[in-house]
Protein backbone atom coordinates (compact mmCIF):
# COMPACT_ATOMS: atom_id res chain seq x y z
CA MET A 1 79.82 90.76 101.95
CA ASP A 2 82.06 90.69 99.17
CA PHE A 3 85.90 90.51 98.57
CA LYS A 4 86.49 94.49 98.30
CA GLN A 5 84.41 95.02 101.72
CA LEU A 6 87.24 92.97 103.05
CA GLN A 7 90.02 94.90 101.44
CA TYR A 8 88.40 98.23 102.70
CA PHE A 9 87.94 96.68 106.30
CA ILE A 10 91.89 95.68 106.25
CA THR A 11 93.08 98.94 104.90
CA LEU A 12 91.26 100.86 107.55
CA PHE A 13 92.20 98.70 110.45
CA GLU A 14 96.15 99.04 109.17
CA GLN A 15 95.47 102.96 108.23
CA GLY A 16 93.73 103.75 111.67
CA ASN A 17 92.26 106.62 110.11
CA MET A 18 89.29 107.10 107.76
CA THR A 19 90.74 109.78 105.61
CA ARG A 20 94.15 107.93 104.72
CA ALA A 21 92.28 104.56 104.26
CA ALA A 22 90.00 106.42 101.60
CA ARG A 23 92.66 108.26 99.91
CA ARG A 24 94.81 104.75 99.55
CA LEU A 25 91.75 103.17 98.13
CA ASN A 26 91.18 106.00 96.02
CA MET A 27 87.52 106.40 97.03
CA VAL A 28 85.73 109.08 98.95
CA GLN A 29 85.29 108.80 102.84
CA PRO A 30 81.72 108.58 102.91
CA ALA A 31 81.88 106.04 100.51
CA LEU A 32 84.11 103.93 102.68
CA SER A 33 82.27 104.70 105.58
CA ALA A 34 79.18 103.27 104.11
CA GLN A 35 81.06 99.97 103.21
CA ILE A 36 82.25 99.77 106.88
CA LEU A 37 78.88 100.26 108.33
CA LYS A 38 77.48 97.35 106.01
CA LEU A 39 79.93 95.26 107.37
CA GLU A 40 79.04 95.88 111.24
CA ARG A 41 75.34 95.39 110.28
CA GLU A 42 75.85 91.94 108.51
CA PHE A 43 78.04 90.91 111.60
CA GLY A 44 75.96 92.31 114.12
CA THR A 45 78.47 93.89 115.96
CA LYS A 46 80.93 97.28 115.82
CA LEU A 47 84.36 96.66 114.28
CA PHE A 48 85.86 100.35 115.00
CA GLU A 49 85.30 102.64 117.71
CA ARG A 50 85.71 106.29 116.19
CA THR A 51 87.78 108.84 117.92
CA ASN A 52 88.90 112.24 117.81
CA ARG A 53 92.27 110.95 116.26
CA GLY A 54 90.71 108.28 113.85
CA VAL A 55 89.39 104.91 114.28
CA SER A 56 90.41 102.30 116.90
CA PRO A 57 89.41 98.39 116.13
CA THR A 58 86.91 96.67 118.61
CA ALA A 59 87.63 93.24 120.01
CA SER A 60 85.49 92.08 117.10
CA GLY A 61 87.30 94.24 114.66
CA LYS A 62 90.72 92.42 115.68
CA LYS A 63 89.41 89.08 115.58
CA LEU A 64 88.15 89.76 111.96
CA TYR A 65 91.49 91.06 111.04
CA GLU A 66 93.12 87.98 112.27
CA LEU A 67 90.58 85.97 109.96
CA CYS A 68 90.97 88.18 106.91
CA VAL A 69 94.77 88.37 106.57
CA PRO A 70 95.61 84.68 105.62
CA LEU A 71 92.16 84.92 103.30
CA LEU A 72 93.56 88.05 101.61
CA GLY A 73 96.95 86.28 101.16
CA ASN A 74 95.47 83.33 99.82
CA MET A 75 93.67 85.48 97.15
CA ASN A 76 96.64 87.07 96.17
CA ALA A 77 98.44 83.96 95.82
CA LEU A 78 95.74 82.40 93.68
CA ARG A 79 96.02 85.27 91.43
CA GLN A 80 99.94 85.13 91.25
CA HIS A 81 99.71 81.33 90.75
CA MET A 82 97.29 81.59 87.72
CA LEU A 83 99.05 84.47 86.07
CA ALA A 84 102.27 82.25 86.49
CA PHE A 85 100.30 79.38 84.98
CA GLY A 86 99.20 81.29 81.94
CA GLY A 87 102.87 82.35 81.27
CA GLU A 88 101.56 86.14 81.74
CA VAL A 89 103.96 88.47 83.42
CA ALA A 90 102.02 92.05 83.76
CA GLY A 91 101.05 94.50 86.08
CA GLU A 92 103.02 97.37 88.07
CA VAL A 93 105.79 96.90 90.53
CA ALA A 94 106.56 99.29 93.05
CA VAL A 95 109.85 98.68 94.62
CA GLY A 96 112.00 100.69 97.40
CA LEU A 97 115.96 100.21 97.01
CA ILE A 98 118.59 101.95 99.22
CA PRO A 99 121.01 104.38 97.45
CA SER A 100 124.08 101.72 97.42
CA VAL A 101 122.07 99.67 94.93
CA THR A 102 120.13 102.67 92.61
CA ASP A 103 123.54 104.44 92.32
CA THR A 104 125.33 101.10 91.11
CA ILE A 105 123.11 98.74 89.29
CA LEU A 106 119.95 100.09 88.80
CA ALA A 107 120.13 101.20 85.65
CA GLU A 108 121.43 97.91 84.06
CA VAL A 109 118.77 95.83 85.92
CA ALA A 110 115.58 98.45 84.67
CA ARG A 111 117.13 98.28 81.29
CA GLU A 112 117.03 94.33 81.33
CA PHE A 113 113.97 94.00 83.12
CA GLY A 114 112.21 96.32 80.72
CA LYS A 115 113.26 94.35 77.92
CA ASN A 116 112.38 91.02 79.38
CA TYR A 117 109.21 92.14 80.81
CA PRO A 118 107.57 94.95 78.40
CA ASN A 119 104.20 94.66 80.05
CA VAL A 120 105.13 95.57 83.76
CA ALA A 121 105.49 99.18 85.00
CA LEU A 122 108.05 99.93 87.17
CA ARG A 123 108.04 102.08 89.73
CA VAL A 124 111.46 102.56 91.99
CA VAL A 125 111.49 104.90 95.28
CA GLU A 126 114.94 105.43 96.48
CA GLY A 127 115.52 105.93 100.34
CA TYR A 128 117.38 104.65 103.20
CA SER A 129 116.27 101.60 104.99
CA GLY A 130 113.94 103.29 107.94
CA LEU A 131 112.04 105.05 105.10
CA LEU A 132 111.48 102.22 102.84
CA ILE A 133 110.29 99.79 105.51
CA ASP A 134 107.68 102.40 106.47
CA GLY A 135 106.47 102.72 102.60
CA VAL A 136 106.26 99.01 102.74
CA GLN A 137 104.01 99.04 105.87
CA ALA A 138 101.93 101.68 104.63
CA GLY A 139 101.24 99.84 101.59
CA MET A 140 103.24 102.29 99.18
CA LEU A 141 105.51 99.84 98.05
CA ASP A 142 105.21 96.20 96.93
CA PHE A 143 108.53 95.38 98.70
CA ALA A 144 111.86 96.99 99.43
CA VAL A 145 115.48 95.92 99.24
CA VAL A 146 117.09 97.05 102.65
CA ASN A 147 119.76 96.44 104.81
CA ASN A 148 118.43 93.89 107.75
CA PRO A 149 116.78 95.41 110.36
CA GLY A 150 116.79 92.60 112.54
CA LYS A 151 113.54 91.71 114.30
CA SER A 152 109.94 93.25 112.75
CA SER A 153 106.63 92.27 113.89
CA SER A 154 104.88 93.32 110.79
CA LEU A 155 107.32 92.41 108.05
CA LYS A 156 108.50 89.31 106.13
CA LEU A 157 112.22 89.37 105.51
CA GLN A 158 113.81 87.14 103.00
CA PRO A 159 117.10 87.29 102.78
CA LEU A 160 118.71 88.39 99.37
CA MET A 161 122.85 88.57 99.73
CA SER A 162 125.55 88.91 102.02
CA GLU A 163 128.19 91.65 101.06
CA GLU A 164 131.52 92.43 102.55
CA LEU A 165 132.14 96.17 103.60
CA VAL A 166 135.72 97.58 102.81
CA LEU A 167 137.91 100.62 103.09
CA VAL A 168 137.52 102.63 100.32
CA PHE A 169 140.11 105.41 99.25
CA ALA A 170 141.70 107.07 96.01
CA ALA A 171 144.18 105.02 93.84
CA SER A 172 146.55 108.23 94.89
CA GLN A 173 146.05 108.29 98.35
CA GLN A 174 149.16 107.56 100.14
CA ALA A 175 148.31 106.62 103.67
CA CYS A 176 146.17 103.67 102.64
CA ASN A 177 148.93 102.26 100.01
CA VAL A 178 151.45 101.84 102.66
CA ARG A 179 152.79 98.12 102.76
CA THR A 180 151.16 97.47 106.23
CA LEU A 181 148.32 99.11 107.37
CA ARG A 182 147.30 98.57 111.15
CA LEU A 183 143.53 98.94 112.66
CA PRO A 184 144.64 101.33 115.06
CA GLN A 185 146.15 103.56 112.12
CA LEU A 186 142.58 104.56 110.61
CA SER A 187 141.97 106.82 113.64
CA SER A 188 144.58 109.25 111.70
CA LEU A 189 142.61 109.50 108.45
CA SER A 190 139.95 111.77 107.16
CA PHE A 191 136.75 109.65 107.27
CA VAL A 192 133.58 110.73 105.66
CA LEU A 193 131.13 108.15 107.03
CA PRO A 194 126.88 107.81 107.39
CA ALA A 195 125.27 109.34 110.31
CA ARG A 196 124.91 107.10 113.32
CA ARG A 197 121.16 106.57 112.38
CA HIS A 198 122.17 104.89 109.48
CA GLY A 199 122.20 101.18 109.41
CA MET A 200 125.57 100.87 107.74
CA ARG A 201 127.25 103.21 110.28
CA VAL A 202 126.16 100.76 113.03
CA LEU A 203 127.81 97.88 111.57
CA ILE A 204 131.10 99.77 111.24
CA ASP A 205 131.13 101.02 114.58
CA ARG A 206 129.94 97.70 116.02
CA TYR A 207 132.96 95.89 114.18
CA LEU A 208 135.54 98.86 115.31
CA GLU A 209 134.61 98.77 118.85
CA SER A 210 135.03 95.02 118.93
CA LYS A 211 138.46 95.61 117.74
CA SER A 212 138.93 98.19 120.29
CA VAL A 213 139.29 100.87 117.72
CA ILE A 214 137.35 104.39 118.13
CA LEU A 215 136.89 105.98 114.59
CA THR A 216 135.53 109.58 114.61
CA PRO A 217 134.91 110.54 111.16
CA LYS A 218 135.62 114.36 110.22
CA LEU A 219 132.48 114.35 108.15
CA GLU A 220 129.16 112.61 108.41
CA LEU A 221 127.33 112.39 105.23
CA ASP A 222 124.27 110.38 104.00
CA SER A 223 124.45 110.42 100.77
CA LEU A 224 126.54 107.81 98.25
CA VAL A 225 127.45 110.25 95.34
CA PRO A 226 128.82 113.06 97.15
CA THR A 227 130.90 110.82 99.40
CA LEU A 228 132.66 109.14 96.59
CA GLN A 229 133.24 112.60 94.78
CA LEU A 230 135.13 113.42 98.08
CA VAL A 231 137.26 110.05 98.20
CA ARG A 232 138.30 110.45 94.79
CA THR A 233 140.03 113.73 95.45
CA GLY A 234 142.42 111.59 97.62
CA GLU A 235 141.66 113.42 100.82
CA TRP A 236 138.92 111.42 102.53
CA VAL A 237 138.16 107.97 102.57
CA THR A 238 135.36 105.93 103.80
CA ILE A 239 133.70 102.63 104.44
CA LEU A 240 131.02 100.85 101.73
CA PRO A 241 130.04 97.82 100.27
CA ILE A 242 132.51 96.63 97.31
CA SER A 243 129.48 96.75 95.06
CA ALA A 244 129.31 100.43 95.21
CA VAL A 245 132.64 101.25 93.89
CA HIS A 246 133.10 98.25 91.57
CA ARG A 247 133.07 100.60 88.95
CA ASP A 248 135.81 102.89 90.12
CA ILE A 249 137.73 99.69 90.87
CA GLN A 250 138.05 98.45 87.52
CA GLN A 251 138.76 101.87 86.12
CA GLY A 252 141.95 102.21 88.63
CA ILE A 253 140.19 105.53 90.28
CA LEU A 254 139.77 103.56 93.73
CA LYS A 255 141.45 100.89 95.82
CA VAL A 256 139.85 99.06 98.79
CA ARG A 257 141.28 97.01 101.58
CA THR A 258 139.31 94.40 103.38
CA PHE A 259 139.00 94.11 107.20
CA PRO A 260 140.40 91.26 109.35
CA SER A 261 138.42 87.96 109.33
CA PRO A 262 135.55 87.82 110.19
CA GLY A 263 135.39 91.37 108.72
CA MET A 264 132.29 93.39 108.20
CA ARG A 265 129.50 92.23 106.30
CA ARG A 266 125.85 93.68 105.45
CA GLU A 267 122.70 91.60 105.10
CA LEU A 268 120.41 92.83 102.20
CA VAL A 269 117.01 91.28 102.71
CA ILE A 270 113.58 91.77 100.75
CA ALA A 271 111.00 93.34 102.97
CA HIS A 272 107.27 92.80 102.17
CA LEU A 273 104.12 92.43 103.83
CA PRO A 274 103.09 89.16 105.16
CA ARG A 275 99.61 88.94 103.79
CA GLN A 276 100.77 90.10 100.15
CA PRO A 277 103.14 87.56 98.57
CA VAL A 278 105.73 88.99 96.20
CA SER A 279 104.10 88.93 92.84
CA LEU A 280 105.26 87.05 89.78
CA ALA A 281 106.64 90.60 88.37
CA ALA A 282 108.14 91.46 91.22
CA GLN A 283 109.80 87.74 91.57
CA LYS A 284 111.23 88.59 88.17
CA PHE A 285 112.73 92.02 89.13
CA ILE A 286 114.44 90.54 92.13
CA GLY A 287 115.71 87.48 90.40
CA ILE A 288 117.71 90.17 87.88
CA LEU A 289 118.60 92.35 90.73
CA GLU A 290 120.09 89.40 92.55
CA GLY A 291 121.81 88.31 89.88
CA LYS A 292 123.51 91.62 89.14
CA LEU A 293 124.34 92.26 92.95
CA LYS A 294 126.26 88.89 93.29
CA GLN A 295 128.12 89.06 89.98
CA ILE A 296 129.44 92.54 91.44
CA ALA A 297 129.99 91.53 94.81
CA HIS A 298 131.88 88.12 94.05
CA GLY A 299 133.38 89.49 90.85
CA PHE A 300 136.61 90.06 92.54
CA PRO A 301 138.06 86.85 93.65
CA LYS A 302 140.54 87.07 96.52
CA GLY A 303 144.22 87.55 95.15
CA ARG A 304 142.96 88.48 91.81
CA GLN A 305 140.96 91.51 91.97
CA PRO A 306 142.00 94.21 89.85
CA HIS A 307 143.11 97.25 91.91
CA VAL A 308 142.22 95.35 94.98
CA ILE A 309 145.23 95.29 97.52
CA ALA A 310 145.70 93.55 100.99
CA ASP A 311 143.81 93.11 104.05
CA VAL A 312 143.77 95.89 106.65
CA ALA A 313 145.29 94.04 109.40
CA GLU A 314 145.54 94.30 113.15
CA LYS A 315 149.30 93.47 112.93
CA SER A 316 150.53 93.31 109.66
CA ALA A 317 149.50 92.86 106.05
CA ARG A 318 150.87 91.82 102.75
CA VAL A 319 150.34 93.48 99.43
């Protein structure tokens, strides 16, 4: 038995299919089958039952997996610690990012990361939280920055930051520029919001329902760029994290109003496999990303925000 054989076993266990596991390991299926057979002979027990739809672990296979996961995690941690000890930041980082992050700060983060760590190859995949979580679970991504999915049985979730969601509208939009804007009045506005399957939409609906406000958007759109294009026309409004619109706010194109306390907040987390510690290179990327996000989210102190006006209020609000 050697370390590679254990990696082959873990990959097959997690994929549940010989063809997919071989593809992920970049090897031919017969070679993978031969390595698993060697393990079974050495241990004197079957690790998998072959079926028409793939492979299913036996009781022995499940036990071996439980023993291998911390072992593999310790080996990865050992490698990363030694690289860090030697001062080397190199390798490849595959990261998944949600659109509200890629569309706002990815260019700045990638530029700074590339300048500071030229020996790291960076690969970024954009997608919504559910898709990125699947990518991490399949081993295609080292980690992903996603909206907190809540309980997850297979991923480790590391808090990144909490961010406020705000009402976003064009500077020329008259209905939102009134002195007093009450929550029930929102239902008369032309909203463009993500579809109900979207994690951010769940947060929005949950908050408004707690305030006895039912909001029916005139358009559901799961794409940030066209959403902002519509809002800039002055005919539409939306609800987004403040980081997604910080440039338009600074330029005076868009304005925002915050919601009554405790307000709407989304929780961004780093999701990765428990047995796969975040590499040194990935930690450096996360550090730069976190710094940029917090700089944007907290860059407009209350009462001194450029082009930011008062709270949406249940009873009244001050400009």
